[in-house]
């Protein structure tokens, strides 16, 4: 017989033969059992309260909306099943253009944003003009509304009649998105670079690395890892804003819904397009939340610098 102490400090007898290999068996104390039972009961109570609260809120909102004087007219204008079924395949077809824009512009934004951020953090008086140009770029495109930037690029570039320059609204709209979002992403990267302690660069230089090697192998990996959550948030915003290329006539999900809505004088296709974008955005948003929570846990445990 082996005497072991439980969590409450009391002695409990145990037979080594009860465990494979003759090890001591763990016997939880009654206090621990009661505490775990209380936690489970509290979790069930909290879940039940949240479910009831959600149900009551949903019922109240439903009653308020349905009892509104203009509900019947609103239902016909925005929630017509016939036009929803008609618009859905067209919206999905146009959504493929939005997805392609997201993939291409996303890569270009990350590359251009990184280059601008590096240009803004270069040291030495010889790089002063480059730093000024990079700062002017970020200030200008962060201050210029995206919709105005799109109009200038989509309508202004074709008006110049430049030889060899495309007039396709898809390419021009993608260029405008890249210009605007690169300015935002550049600031995200710059914040990450400047958050790395100078001792990291000094340590790399003491090991014989050049400034470029220290930046590439020491500073940038830490900077990018720290800025993953805000970068993902910018990509989520880019995913939604790809719908703005429709102002130039590109047939994306928004433009496809607009064509049907203008022909039928019914706004249900807009609701369909909006729900499709929401369904596309939610997974990326949840993934961003998961990455953020994971990095916060690692940082709290000392796993991420």
Protein backbone atom coordinates (compact mmCIF):
# COMPACT_ATOMS: atom_id res chain seq x y z
CA UNK A 1 0.00 0.00 0.00
CA UNK A 2 1.21 3.48 -0.79
CA UNK A 3 0.08 6.55 1.03
CA UNK A 4 -0.45 9.60 -1.20
CA UNK A 5 -1.76 13.04 -0.37
CA UNK A 6 -4.62 14.55 -2.31
CA UNK A 7 -5.18 18.25 -3.13
CA UNK A 8 -6.68 18.99 0.29
CA UNK A 9 -3.66 17.64 2.12
CA UNK A 10 -5.47 14.52 3.39
CA UNK A 11 -3.89 11.13 3.11
CA UNK A 12 -5.42 8.52 0.85
CA UNK A 13 -4.38 4.88 0.56
CA UNK A 14 -3.60 3.49 -2.84
CA UNK A 15 -2.46 0.15 -4.14
CA UNK A 16 0.30 0.16 -6.72
CA UNK A 17 -1.33 -2.76 -8.42
CA UNK A 18 -4.24 -0.58 -9.46
CA UNK A 19 -2.11 1.23 -12.04
CA UNK A 20 -0.32 -0.36 -15.01
CA UNK A 21 3.34 -0.82 -14.15
CA UNK A 22 2.66 -0.43 -10.43
CA UNK A 23 2.51 3.41 -10.47
CA UNK A 24 0.70 5.50 -7.90
CA UNK A 25 -2.93 6.29 -8.79
CA UNK A 26 -4.05 9.91 -8.60
CA UNK A 27 -7.07 10.36 -6.34
CA UNK A 28 -8.68 13.82 -6.64
CA UNK A 29 -9.90 15.35 -3.44
CA UNK A 30 -13.55 15.97 -2.78
CA UNK A 31 -12.87 19.69 -2.85
CA UNK A 32 -11.44 19.41 -6.37
CA UNK A 33 -14.38 17.30 -7.50
CA UNK A 34 -16.81 19.87 -6.11
CA UNK A 35 -14.90 22.70 -7.77
CA UNK A 36 -14.98 21.01 -11.19
CA UNK A 37 -18.68 20.26 -10.78
CA UNK A 38 -19.31 23.92 -9.93
CA UNK A 39 -17.37 25.06 -13.03
CA UNK A 40 -19.39 22.78 -15.29
CA UNK A 41 -22.66 23.95 -13.76
CA UNK A 42 -21.64 27.59 -14.15
CA UNK A 43 -20.67 27.02 -17.81
CA UNK A 44 -24.03 25.36 -18.52
CA UNK A 45 -25.87 28.21 -16.82
CA UNK A 46 -23.94 30.82 -18.79
CA UNK A 47 -24.65 29.00 -22.06
CA UNK A 48 -28.35 28.79 -21.26
CA UNK A 49 -28.53 32.49 -20.36
CA UNK A 50 -26.71 33.46 -23.57
CA UNK A 51 -29.05 31.31 -25.67
CA UNK A 52 -32.17 32.75 -24.05
CA UNK A 53 -30.85 36.31 -24.37
CA UNK A 54 -30.04 35.79 -28.05
CA UNK A 55 -33.45 34.29 -28.73
CA UNK A 56 -35.26 37.13 -26.96
CA UNK A 57 -33.22 39.74 -28.88
CA UNK A 58 -33.94 38.03 -32.20
CA UNK A 59 -37.66 37.86 -31.46
CA UNK A 60 -37.79 41.52 -30.46
CA UNK A 61 -35.95 42.61 -33.61
CA UNK A 62 -38.22 40.45 -35.75
CA UNK A 63 -41.37 41.89 -34.19
CA UNK A 64 -40.08 45.48 -34.55
CA UNK A 65 -39.16 45.00 -38.22
CA UNK A 66 -42.25 43.05 -39.25
CA UNK A 67 -44.64 45.41 -37.44
CA UNK A 68 -43.15 48.48 -39.15
CA UNK A 69 -45.68 50.31 -41.38
CA UNK A 70 -43.55 49.95 -44.51
CA UNK A 71 -42.49 46.33 -44.00
CA UNK A 72 -44.61 44.85 -46.78
CA UNK A 73 -43.24 47.30 -49.34
CA UNK A 74 -39.70 46.80 -48.06
CA UNK A 75 -40.11 43.04 -48.25
CA UNK A 76 -41.17 43.24 -51.88
CA UNK A 77 -38.34 45.64 -52.77
CA UNK A 78 -35.41 44.07 -50.89
CA UNK A 79 -36.36 40.46 -50.15
CA UNK A 80 -38.10 39.13 -53.23
CA UNK A 81 -37.37 35.42 -53.68
CA UNK A 82 -37.81 35.48 -57.46
CA UNK A 83 -35.16 38.14 -58.02
CA UNK A 84 -32.87 36.53 -55.44
CA UNK A 85 -32.90 33.26 -57.40
CA UNK A 86 -32.31 35.15 -60.62
CA UNK A 87 -29.41 37.19 -59.24
CA UNK A 88 -27.56 34.49 -57.32
CA UNK A 89 -25.85 32.69 -60.24
CA UNK A 90 -24.92 36.00 -61.89
CA UNK A 91 -23.50 37.33 -58.63
CA UNK A 92 -21.44 34.17 -58.14
CA UNK A 93 -20.12 34.48 -61.67
CA UNK A 94 -19.06 38.06 -61.01
CA UNK A 95 -17.58 37.09 -57.64
CA UNK A 96 -14.87 35.13 -59.43
CA UNK A 97 -13.51 38.45 -60.71
CA UNK A 98 -13.44 39.83 -57.15
CA UNK A 99 -11.53 36.77 -55.94
CA UNK A 100 -8.96 37.09 -58.74
CA UNK A 101 -8.50 40.77 -57.95
CA UNK A 102 -8.00 39.92 -54.28
CA UNK A 103 -5.31 37.33 -55.04
CA UNK A 104 -3.38 39.45 -57.55
CA UNK A 105 -3.72 42.80 -55.77
CA UNK A 106 -3.01 41.17 -52.40
CA UNK A 107 0.39 39.92 -53.57
CA UNK A 108 1.24 43.25 -55.23
CA UNK A 109 0.17 45.20 -52.15
CA UNK A 110 2.37 43.11 -49.84
CA UNK A 111 5.41 43.45 -52.11
CA UNK A 112 5.00 47.17 -52.80
CA UNK A 113 4.11 47.92 -49.19
CA UNK A 114 7.25 46.14 -47.98
CA UNK A 115 9.45 48.07 -50.41
CA UNK A 116 7.95 51.40 -49.34
CA UNK A 117 8.36 50.52 -45.66
CA UNK A 118 12.01 49.60 -46.18
CA UNK A 119 12.56 52.84 -48.08
CA UNK A 120 11.12 54.84 -45.18
CA UNK A 121 13.40 53.12 -42.65
CA UNK A 122 16.67 53.40 -44.60
CA UNK A 123 19.38 55.20 -42.67
CA UNK A 124 21.92 57.73 -43.82
CA UNK A 125 21.67 61.13 -45.52
CA UNK A 126 22.14 59.60 -48.97
CA UNK A 127 18.71 57.96 -48.68
CA UNK A 128 16.94 61.16 -47.64
CA UNK A 129 15.24 61.74 -51.06
CA UNK A 130 14.01 58.16 -51.06
CA UNK A 131 12.60 58.51 -47.55
CA UNK A 132 10.83 61.73 -48.53
CA UNK A 133 9.28 60.14 -51.62
CA UNK A 134 8.12 57.11 -49.63
CA UNK A 135 6.61 59.34 -46.93
CA UNK A 136 4.89 61.51 -49.56
CA UNK A 137 3.45 58.40 -51.21
CA UNK A 138 1.97 57.04 -47.99
CA UNK A 139 0.62 60.42 -46.90
CA UNK A 140 -1.02 61.07 -50.27
CA UNK A 141 -2.69 57.72 -50.85
CA UNK A 142 -3.76 57.29 -47.24
CA UNK A 143 -5.42 60.69 -47.39
CA UNK A 144 -7.00 60.25 -50.83
CA UNK A 145 -10.39 58.47 -50.66
CA UNK A 146 -10.29 55.14 -52.45
CA UNK A 147 -13.37 55.91 -54.54
CA UNK A 148 -11.73 59.11 -55.87
CA UNK A 149 -8.51 57.26 -56.59
CA UNK A 150 -10.48 54.68 -58.56
CA UNK A 151 -12.25 57.34 -60.59
CA UNK A 152 -9.00 59.15 -61.37
CA UNK A 153 -7.22 55.99 -62.51
CA UNK A 154 -10.13 54.27 -64.27
CA UNK A 155 -11.35 57.37 -66.13
CA UNK A 156 -8.21 59.52 -66.22
CA UNK A 157 -5.68 57.05 -67.62
CA UNK A 158 -7.74 56.20 -70.76
CA UNK A 159 -8.23 59.94 -71.37
CA UNK A 160 -4.45 60.35 -71.71
CA UNK A 161 -4.42 57.95 -74.70
CA UNK A 162 -1.01 56.60 -73.78
CA UNK A 163 0.48 54.09 -76.18
CA UNK A 164 0.78 50.60 -74.74
CA UNK A 165 -1.25 51.40 -71.61
CA UNK A 166 -4.36 49.30 -71.06
CA UNK A 167 -7.80 50.84 -70.77
CA UNK A 168 -9.36 47.71 -69.27
CA UNK A 169 -11.30 48.82 -66.15
CA UNK A 170 -10.37 45.60 -64.36
CA UNK A 171 -6.63 46.24 -64.65
CA UNK A 172 -6.99 49.94 -63.93
CA UNK A 173 -9.24 49.28 -60.95
CA UNK A 174 -6.75 46.74 -59.64
CA UNK A 175 -3.95 49.31 -60.03
CA UNK A 176 -5.93 51.85 -58.03
CA UNK A 177 -6.59 49.32 -55.27
CA UNK A 178 -2.89 48.42 -55.18
CA UNK A 179 -1.83 52.06 -54.94
CA UNK A 180 -4.14 52.81 -52.03
CA UNK A 181 -3.67 49.65 -50.00
CA UNK A 182 0.10 49.65 -50.47
CA UNK A 183 0.22 52.91 -48.53
CA UNK A 184 -1.67 51.35 -45.60
CA UNK A 185 0.32 48.13 -45.64
CA UNK A 186 3.59 50.08 -45.85
CA UNK A 187 2.75 51.78 -42.57
CA UNK A 188 1.95 48.41 -41.01
CA UNK A 189 5.32 47.03 -42.09
CA UNK A 190 7.11 50.20 -40.97
CA UNK A 191 5.55 49.94 -37.53
CA UNK A 192 6.72 46.34 -37.31
CA UNK A 193 10.26 47.23 -38.39
CA UNK A 194 10.51 50.07 -35.89
CA UNK A 195 9.13 47.87 -33.10
CA UNK A 196 12.20 45.62 -33.31
CA UNK A 197 14.65 46.73 -30.64
CA UNK A 198 17.85 48.34 -31.97
CA UNK A 199 19.89 45.80 -29.99
CA UNK A 200 18.74 43.14 -32.45
CA UNK A 201 20.33 44.99 -35.35
CA UNK A 202 23.42 45.78 -33.28
CA UNK A 203 23.83 42.13 -32.33
CA UNK A 204 23.56 41.11 -35.98
CA UNK A 205 26.16 43.70 -36.97
CA UNK A 206 28.49 42.44 -34.23
CA UNK A 207 28.30 38.97 -35.75
CA UNK A 208 29.57 40.31 -39.04
CA UNK A 209 26.30 40.80 -40.92
CA UNK A 210 25.95 43.80 -43.18
CA UNK A 211 23.08 46.25 -42.78
CA UNK A 212 21.20 44.56 -45.60
CA UNK A 213 21.78 41.10 -44.15
CA UNK A 214 20.71 42.24 -40.69
CA UNK A 215 17.54 43.70 -42.15
CA UNK A 216 16.76 40.60 -44.17
CA UNK A 217 17.63 37.87 -41.66
CA UNK A 218 17.00 39.52 -38.29
CA UNK A 219 14.73 42.57 -38.45
CA UNK A 220 12.19 41.69 -41.17
CA UNK A 221 11.30 38.19 -39.87
CA UNK A 222 10.46 39.63 -36.46
CA UNK A 223 8.63 42.63 -37.92
CA UNK A 224 6.45 40.56 -40.25
CA UNK A 225 5.60 38.02 -37.55
CA UNK A 226 4.43 40.78 -35.22
CA UNK A 227 2.28 42.44 -37.87
CA UNK A 228 0.43 39.39 -39.20
CA UNK A 229 -2.96 40.29 -37.57
CA UNK A 230 -3.14 43.87 -38.95
CA UNK A 231 -1.96 42.63 -42.35
CA UNK A 232 -4.78 40.10 -42.43
CA UNK A 233 -7.24 42.86 -41.48
CA UNK A 234 -6.05 44.91 -44.44
CA UNK A 235 -6.56 41.92 -46.74
CA UNK A 236 -10.12 41.53 -45.41
CA UNK A 237 -10.78 45.18 -46.25
CA UNK A 238 -9.22 44.72 -49.69
CA UNK A 239 -11.51 41.77 -50.30
CA UNK A 240 -14.57 43.93 -49.73
CA UNK A 241 -13.26 46.93 -51.68
CA UNK A 242 -12.66 44.88 -54.83
CA UNK A 243 -16.37 45.48 -55.44
CA UNK A 244 -15.60 49.13 -56.14
CA UNK A 245 -14.05 48.30 -59.52
CA UNK A 246 -17.62 48.11 -60.77
CA UNK A 247 -17.65 51.91 -61.11
CA UNK A 248 -15.56 51.51 -64.25
CA UNK A 249 -17.94 49.00 -65.81
CA UNK A 250 -16.19 45.76 -64.78
CA UNK A 251 -18.72 42.96 -64.35
CA UNK A 252 -18.01 41.79 -60.83
CA UNK A 253 -20.50 40.66 -58.18
CA UNK A 254 -21.62 44.21 -57.43
CA UNK A 255 -22.02 45.18 -61.08
CA UNK A 256 -23.90 41.95 -61.86
CA UNK A 257 -26.39 42.70 -59.09
CA UNK A 258 -26.69 46.31 -60.25
CA UNK A 259 -27.61 45.26 -63.79
CA UNK A 260 -30.45 43.07 -62.57
CA UNK A 261 -31.62 45.65 -60.02
CA UNK A 262 -31.76 48.43 -62.62
CA UNK A 263 -33.66 46.26 -65.06
CA UNK A 264 -36.19 44.95 -62.52
CA UNK A 265 -36.39 48.10 -60.36
CA UNK A 266 -35.87 45.83 -57.36
CA UNK A 267 -33.04 45.96 -54.84
CA UNK A 268 -33.01 42.27 -53.87
CA UNK A 269 -29.89 41.58 -56.02
CA UNK A 270 -27.94 44.05 -53.86
CA UNK A 271 -28.90 42.05 -50.77
CA UNK A 272 -27.74 38.86 -52.49
CA UNK A 273 -24.39 40.42 -53.42
CA UNK A 274 -23.95 41.76 -49.90
CA UNK A 275 -24.63 38.37 -48.33
CA UNK A 276 -22.18 36.71 -50.71
CA UNK A 277 -19.44 39.15 -49.70
CA UNK A 278 -20.27 38.59 -46.03
CA UNK A 279 -20.06 34.82 -46.49
CA UNK A 280 -16.68 35.26 -48.17
CA UNK A 281 -15.36 37.65 -45.53
CA UNK A 282 -16.39 35.80 -42.36
CA UNK A 283 -13.88 32.90 -42.75
CA UNK A 284 -11.00 35.35 -43.24
CA UNK A 285 -12.17 37.40 -40.25
CA UNK A 286 -12.38 34.34 -38.01
CA UNK A 287 -8.95 33.21 -39.23
CA UNK A 288 -7.57 36.64 -38.36
CA UNK A 289 -9.09 36.42 -34.87
CA UNK A 290 -7.58 32.95 -34.42
CA UNK A 291 -4.12 34.10 -35.50
CA UNK A 292 -4.34 37.14 -33.22
CA UNK A 293 -5.40 35.05 -30.21
CA UNK A 294 -2.68 32.48 -30.92
CA UNK A 295 0.03 35.11 -31.13
CA UNK A 296 -1.23 36.75 -27.93
CA UNK A 297 -0.99 33.42 -26.12
CA UNK A 298 2.52 32.84 -27.44
CA UNK A 299 3.57 36.34 -26.43
CA UNK A 300 2.14 35.83 -22.93
CA UNK A 301 4.10 32.58 -22.60
CA UNK A 302 7.29 34.15 -23.96
CA UNK A 303 7.16 32.26 -27.26
CA UNK A 304 7.14 35.33 -29.50
CA UNK A 305 9.36 38.38 -29.23
